[in-house]
Amino acid sequence: MSIKIYLLTFLTMLSAYALSSINFEKIIRKNKVIETRILYLILSFALGILLTNFFLTFIPEDI
């Protein structure tokens, strides 16, 4: 269970770092700063969870 928490934390931060390279200002309407930040958080959490589940399929359960 503890490896899942560490992996989730690491991959969520990694996905947030990767999403920081995308210029959301060209996609989102002007004066929607709060909505853009919420979208950024949701996308980073979603990518972190998806990547965690993907990597956990390759790790044996007895670790």
PDB file of N, CA and C in Angstrom:
ATOM      1  N   MET A   1       0.821  -1.196   0.000  1.00  0.00           N
ATOM      2  CA  MET A   1       0.000   0.000   0.000  1.00  0.00           C
ATOM      3  C   MET A   1       0.864   1.258   0.000  1.00  0.00           C
ATOM      4  N   SER A   2       1.983   1.227   0.706  1.00  0.00           N
ATOM      5  CA  SER A   2       2.803   2.424   0.803  1.00  0.00           C
ATOM      6  C   SER A   2       3.485   2.757  -0.524  1.00  0.00           C
ATOM      7  N   ILE A   3       3.806   1.735  -1.315  1.00  0.00           N
ATOM      8  CA  ILE A   3       4.436   2.018  -2.607  1.00  0.00           C
ATOM      9  C   ILE A   3       3.439   2.713  -3.540  1.00  0.00           C
ATOM     10  N   LYS A   4       2.166   2.413  -3.386  1.00  0.00           N
ATOM     11  CA  LYS A   4       1.149   3.060  -4.219  1.00  0.00           C
ATOM     12  C   LYS A   4       1.050   4.546  -3.886  1.00  0.00           C
ATOM     13  N   ILE A   5       1.140   4.891  -2.620  1.00  0.00           N
ATOM     14  CA  ILE A   5       1.071   6.299  -2.218  1.00  0.00           C
ATOM     15  C   ILE A   5       2.285   7.065  -2.723  1.00  0.00           C
ATOM     16  N   TYR A   6       3.462   6.464  -2.572  1.00  0.00           N
ATOM     17  CA  TYR A   6       4.677   7.129  -3.061  1.00  0.00           C
ATOM     18  C   TYR A   6       4.654   7.286  -4.583  1.00  0.00           C
ATOM     19  N   LEU A   7       4.218   6.248  -5.253  1.00  0.00           N
ATOM     20  CA  LEU A   7       4.159   6.290  -6.708  1.00  0.00           C
ATOM     21  C   LEU A   7       3.127   7.313  -7.180  1.00  0.00           C
ATOM     22  N   LEU A   8       1.988   7.365  -6.512  1.00  0.00           N
ATOM     23  CA  LEU A   8       0.948   8.336  -6.869  1.00  0.00           C
ATOM     24  C   LEU A   8       1.442   9.761  -6.670  1.00  0.00           C
ATOM     25  N   THR A   9       2.111  10.013  -5.558  1.00  0.00           N
ATOM     26  CA  THR A   9       2.639  11.355  -5.293  1.00  0.00           C
ATOM     27  C   THR A   9       3.687  11.749  -6.325  1.00  0.00           C
ATOM     28  N   PHE A  10       4.621  10.857  -6.592  1.00  0.00           N
ATOM     29  CA  PHE A  10       5.679  11.156  -7.546  1.00  0.00           C
ATOM     30  C   PHE A  10       5.132  11.389  -8.952  1.00  0.00           C
ATOM     31  N   LEU A  11       4.231  10.515  -9.397  1.00  0.00           N
ATOM     32  CA  LEU A  11       3.727  10.639 -10.763  1.00  0.00           C
ATOM     33  C   LEU A  11       2.764  11.814 -10.931  1.00  0.00           C
ATOM     34  N   THR A  12       2.071  12.201  -9.867  1.00  0.00           N
ATOM     35  CA  THR A  12       1.233  13.395  -9.942  1.00  0.00           C
ATOM     36  C   THR A  12       2.099  14.643 -10.067  1.00  0.00           C
ATOM     37  N   MET A  13       3.181  14.702  -9.303  1.00  0.00           N
ATOM     38  CA  MET A  13       4.089  15.845  -9.431  1.00  0.00           C
ATOM     39  C   MET A  13       4.775  15.853 -10.791  1.00  0.00           C
ATOM     40  N   LEU A  14       5.111  14.676 -11.289  1.00  0.00           N
ATOM     41  CA  LEU A  14       5.738  14.587 -12.605  1.00  0.00           C
ATOM     42  C   LEU A  14       4.776  15.026 -13.706  1.00  0.00           C
ATOM     43  N   SER A  15       3.517  14.648 -13.597  1.00  0.00           N
ATOM     44  CA  SER A  15       2.547  15.059 -14.613  1.00  0.00           C
ATOM     45  C   SER A  15       2.262  16.557 -14.520  1.00  0.00           C
ATOM     46  N   ALA A  16       2.265  17.116 -13.310  1.00  0.00           N
ATOM     47  CA  ALA A  16       2.099  18.566 -13.166  1.00  0.00           C
ATOM     48  C   ALA A  16       3.274  19.304 -13.799  1.00  0.00           C
ATOM     49  N   TYR A  17       4.468  18.757 -13.629  1.00  0.00           N
ATOM     50  CA  TYR A  17       5.658  19.352 -14.250  1.00  0.00           C
ATOM     51  C   TYR A  17       5.562  19.271 -15.780  1.00  0.00           C
ATOM     52  N   ALA A  18       5.080  18.146 -16.284  1.00  0.00           N
ATOM     53  CA  ALA A  18       4.951  17.988 -17.733  1.00  0.00           C
ATOM     54  C   ALA A  18       3.855  18.899 -18.287  1.00  0.00           C
ATOM     55  N   LEU A  19       2.777  19.078 -17.538  1.00  0.00           N
ATOM     56  CA  LEU A  19       1.698  19.951 -18.002  1.00  0.00           C
ATOM     57  C   LEU A  19       2.096  21.427 -17.983  1.00  0.00           C
ATOM     58  N   SER A  20       3.112  21.759 -17.214  1.00  0.00           N
ATOM     59  CA  SER A  20       3.537  23.160 -17.165  1.00  0.00           C
ATOM     60  C   SER A  20       4.154  23.621 -18.480  1.00  0.00           C
ATOM     61  N   SER A  21       4.498  22.682 -19.344  1.00  0.00           N
ATOM     62  CA  SER A  21       5.067  23.071 -20.631  1.00  0.00           C
ATOM     63  C   SER A  21       3.998  23.445 -21.656  1.00  0.00           C
ATOM     64  N   ILE A  22       2.742  23.150 -21.357  1.00  0.00           N
ATOM     65  CA  ILE A  22       1.647  23.470 -22.281  1.00  0.00           C
ATOM     66  C   ILE A  22       1.186  24.894 -22.026  1.00  0.00           C
ATOM     67  N   ASN A  23       1.011  25.651 -23.082  1.00  0.00           N
ATOM     68  CA  ASN A  23       0.539  27.024 -22.979  1.00  0.00           C
ATOM     69  C   ASN A  23      -0.992  27.023 -23.022  1.00  0.00           C
ATOM     70  N   PHE A  24      -1.606  27.030 -21.843  1.00  0.00           N
ATOM     71  CA  PHE A  24      -3.057  26.997 -21.758  1.00  0.00           C
ATOM     72  C   PHE A  24      -3.696  28.337 -22.116  1.00  0.00           C
ATOM     73  N   GLU A  25      -2.903  29.399 -22.166  1.00  0.00           N
ATOM     74  CA  GLU A  25      -3.455  30.723 -22.450  1.00  0.00           C
ATOM     75  C   GLU A  25      -4.027  30.817 -23.860  1.00  0.00           C
ATOM     76  N   LYS A  26      -3.501  30.016 -24.780  1.00  0.00           N
ATOM     77  CA  LYS A  26      -4.018  30.037 -26.144  1.00  0.00           C
ATOM     78  C   LYS A  26      -5.293  29.209 -26.288  1.00  0.00           C
ATOM     79  N   ILE A  27      -5.525  28.305 -25.338  1.00  0.00           N
ATOM     80  CA  ILE A  27      -6.688  27.419 -25.409  1.00  0.00           C
ATOM     81  C   ILE A  27      -7.872  27.982 -24.631  1.00  0.00           C
ATOM     82  N   ILE A  28      -7.608  28.534 -23.452  1.00  0.00           N
ATOM     83  CA  ILE A  28      -8.648  28.995 -22.538  1.00  0.00           C
ATOM     84  C   ILE A  28      -8.981  30.459 -22.825  1.00  0.00           C
ATOM     85  N   ARG A  29     -10.254  30.812 -22.596  1.00  0.00           N
ATOM     86  CA  ARG A  29     -10.677  32.194 -22.800  1.00  0.00           C
ATOM     87  C   ARG A  29      -9.981  33.141 -21.821  1.00  0.00           C
ATOM     88  N   LYS A  30      -9.942  34.411 -22.158  1.00  0.00           N
ATOM     89  CA  LYS A  30      -9.301  35.411 -21.316  1.00  0.00           C
ATOM     90  C   LYS A  30     -10.101  35.615 -20.033  1.00  0.00           C
ATOM     91  N   ASN A  31      -9.394  36.031 -18.987  1.00  0.00           N
ATOM     92  CA  ASN A  31      -9.956  36.309 -17.663  1.00  0.00           C
ATOM     93  C   ASN A  31     -10.570  35.070 -17.015  1.00  0.00           C
ATOM     94  N   LYS A  32     -10.070  33.905 -17.313  1.00  0.00           N
ATOM     95  CA  LYS A  32     -10.519  32.654 -16.700  1.00  0.00           C
ATOM     96  C   LYS A  32      -9.338  31.983 -16.001  1.00  0.00           C
ATOM     97  N   VAL A  33      -8.686  32.724 -15.120  1.00  0.00           N
ATOM     98  CA  VAL A  33      -7.467  32.246 -14.477  1.00  0.00           C
ATOM     99  C   VAL A  33      -7.783  31.124 -13.490  1.00  0.00           C
ATOM    100  N   ILE A  34      -8.797  31.291 -12.671  1.00  0.00           N
ATOM    101  CA  ILE A  34      -9.136  30.286 -11.660  1.00  0.00           C
ATOM    102  C   ILE A  34      -9.566  28.988 -12.321  1.00  0.00           C
ATOM    103  N   GLU A  35     -10.372  29.082 -13.363  1.00  0.00           N
ATOM    104  CA  GLU A  35     -10.824  27.891 -14.066  1.00  0.00           C
ATOM    105  C   GLU A  35      -9.665  27.153 -14.715  1.00  0.00           C
ATOM    106  N   THR A  36      -8.693  27.905 -15.220  1.00  0.00           N
ATOM    107  CA  THR A  36      -7.518  27.291 -15.828  1.00  0.00           C
ATOM    108  C   THR A  36      -6.685  26.550 -14.787  1.00  0.00           C
ATOM    109  N   ARG A  37      -6.539  27.116 -13.613  1.00  0.00           N
ATOM    110  CA  ARG A  37      -5.787  26.452 -12.548  1.00  0.00           C
ATOM    111  C   ARG A  37      -6.495  25.191 -12.064  1.00  0.00           C
ATOM    112  N   ILE A  38      -7.818  25.251 -11.975  1.00  0.00           N
ATOM    113  CA  ILE A  38      -8.578  24.061 -11.581  1.00  0.00           C
ATOM    114  C   ILE A  38      -8.425  22.967 -12.629  1.00  0.00           C
ATOM    115  N   LEU A  39      -8.489  23.327 -13.901  1.00  0.00           N
ATOM    116  CA  LEU A  39      -8.292  22.358 -14.980  1.00  0.00           C
ATOM    117  C   LEU A  39      -6.900  21.753 -14.915  1.00  0.00           C
ATOM    118  N   TYR A  40      -5.910  22.577 -14.622  1.00  0.00           N
ATOM    119  CA  TYR A  40      -4.519  22.126 -14.488  1.00  0.00           C
ATOM    120  C   TYR A  40      -4.388  21.096 -13.366  1.00  0.00           C
ATOM    121  N   LEU A  41      -5.021  21.367 -12.222  1.00  0.00           N
ATOM    122  CA  LEU A  41      -4.982  20.431 -11.102  1.00  0.00           C
ATOM    123  C   LEU A  41      -5.699  19.127 -11.420  1.00  0.00           C
ATOM    124  N   ILE A  42      -6.859  19.227 -12.037  1.00  0.00           N
ATOM    125  CA  ILE A  42      -7.624  18.022 -12.380  1.00  0.00           C
ATOM    126  C   ILE A  42      -6.850  17.165 -13.374  1.00  0.00           C
ATOM    127  N   LEU A  43      -6.258  17.783 -14.372  1.00  0.00           N
ATOM    128  CA  LEU A  43      -5.486  17.023 -15.355  1.00  0.00           C
ATOM    129  C   LEU A  43      -4.247  16.377 -14.740  1.00  0.00           C
ATOM    130  N   SER A  44      -3.583  17.082 -13.836  1.00  0.00           N
ATOM    131  CA  SER A  44      -2.386  16.491 -13.223  1.00  0.00           C
ATOM    132  C   SER A  44      -2.757  15.336 -12.304  1.00  0.00           C
ATOM    133  N   PHE A  45      -3.864  15.453 -11.544  1.00  0.00           N
ATOM    134  CA  PHE A  45      -4.300  14.333 -10.710  1.00  0.00           C
ATOM    135  C   PHE A  45      -4.748  13.152 -11.552  1.00  0.00           C
ATOM    136  N   ALA A  46      -5.484  13.426 -12.627  1.00  0.00           N
ATOM    137  CA  ALA A  46      -5.968  12.340 -13.488  1.00  0.00           C
ATOM    138  C   ALA A  46      -4.800  11.607 -14.148  1.00  0.00           C
ATOM    139  N   LEU A  47      -3.834  12.349 -14.648  1.00  0.00           N
ATOM    140  CA  LEU A  47      -2.660  11.710 -15.247  1.00  0.00           C
ATOM    141  C   LEU A  47      -1.846  10.935 -14.217  1.00  0.00           C
ATOM    142  N   GLY A  48      -1.744  11.486 -13.010  1.00  0.00           N
ATOM    143  CA  GLY A  48      -1.023  10.790 -11.951  1.00  0.00           C
ATOM    144  C   GLY A  48      -1.682   9.474 -11.579  1.00  0.00           C
ATOM    145  N   ILE A  49      -3.006   9.460 -11.484  1.00  0.00           N
ATOM    146  CA  ILE A  49      -3.730   8.227 -11.152  1.00  0.00           C
ATOM    147  C   ILE A  49      -3.623   7.215 -12.282  1.00  0.00           C
ATOM    148  N   LEU A  50      -3.777   7.671 -13.512  1.00  0.00           N
ATOM    149  CA  LEU A  50      -3.663   6.755 -14.649  1.00  0.00           C
ATOM    150  C   LEU A  50      -2.276   6.139 -14.753  1.00  0.00           C
ATOM    151  N   LEU A  51      -1.249   6.955 -14.573  1.00  0.00           N
ATOM    152  CA  LEU A  51       0.117   6.433 -14.643  1.00  0.00           C
ATOM    153  C   LEU A  51       0.427   5.495 -13.481  1.00  0.00           C
ATOM    154  N   THR A  52      -0.105   5.803 -12.300  1.00  0.00           N
ATOM    155  CA  THR A  52       0.101   4.929 -11.151  1.00  0.00           C
ATOM    156  C   THR A  52      -0.519   3.560 -11.390  1.00  0.00           C
ATOM    157  N   ASN A  53      -1.753   3.536 -11.863  1.00  0.00           N
ATOM    158  CA  ASN A  53      -2.403   2.257 -12.149  1.00  0.00           C
ATOM    159  C   ASN A  53      -1.683   1.497 -13.251  1.00  0.00           C
ATOM    160  N   PHE A  54      -1.161   2.206 -14.223  1.00  0.00           N
ATOM    161  CA  PHE A  54      -0.413   1.566 -15.301  1.00  0.00           C
ATOM    162  C   PHE A  54       0.848   0.899 -14.770  1.00  0.00           C
ATOM    163  N   PHE A  55       1.623   1.622 -13.949  1.00  0.00           N
ATOM    164  CA  PHE A  55       2.868   1.065 -13.433  1.00  0.00           C
ATOM    165  C   PHE A  55       2.637  -0.022 -12.395  1.00  0.00           C
ATOM    166  N   LEU A  56       1.539   0.053 -11.658  1.00  0.00           N
ATOM    167  CA  LEU A  56       1.261  -0.970 -10.653  1.00  0.00           C
ATOM    168  C   LEU A  56       0.883  -2.307 -11.288  1.00  0.00           C
ATOM    169  N   THR A  57       0.487  -2.304 -12.539  1.00  0.00           N
ATOM    170  CA  THR A  57       0.199  -3.577 -13.199  1.00  0.00           C
ATOM    171  C   THR A  57       1.472  -4.377 -13.452  1.00  0.00           C
ATOM    172  N   PHE A  58       2.624  -3.721 -13.471  1.00  0.00           N
ATOM    173  CA  PHE A  58       3.883  -4.398 -13.721  1.00  0.00           C
ATOM    174  C   PHE A  58       4.622  -4.783 -12.446  1.00  0.00           C
ATOM    175  N   ILE A  59       4.191  -4.265 -11.300  1.00  0.00           N
ATOM    176  CA  ILE A  59       4.852  -4.566 -10.032  1.00  0.00           C
ATOM    177  C   ILE A  59       4.134  -5.731  -9.378  1.00  0.00           C
ATOM    178  N   PRO A  60       4.850  -6.766  -8.949  1.00  0.00           N
ATOM    179  CA  PRO A  60       4.204  -7.889  -8.248  1.00  0.00           C
ATOM    180  C   PRO A  60       3.563  -7.429  -6.941  1.00  0.00           C
ATOM    181  N   GLU A  61       2.486  -8.074  -6.536  1.00  0.00           N
ATOM    182  CA  GLU A  61       1.739  -7.633  -5.352  1.00  0.00           C
ATOM    183  C   GLU A  61       2.414  -8.002  -4.054  1.00  0.00           C
ATOM    184  N   ASP A  62       3.360  -8.904  -4.043  1.00  0.00           N
ATOM    185  CA  ASP A  62       3.979  -9.319  -2.785  1.00  0.00           C
ATOM    186  C   ASP A  62       5.097  -8.395  -2.317  1.00  0.00           C
ATOM    187  N   ILE A  63       5.335  -7.299  -3.008  1.00  0.00           N
ATOM    188  CA  ILE A  63       6.376  -6.346  -2.589  1.00  0.00           C
ATOM    189  C   ILE A  63       5.799  -5.412  -1.545  1.00  0.00           C
TER     190      ILE A  63
END
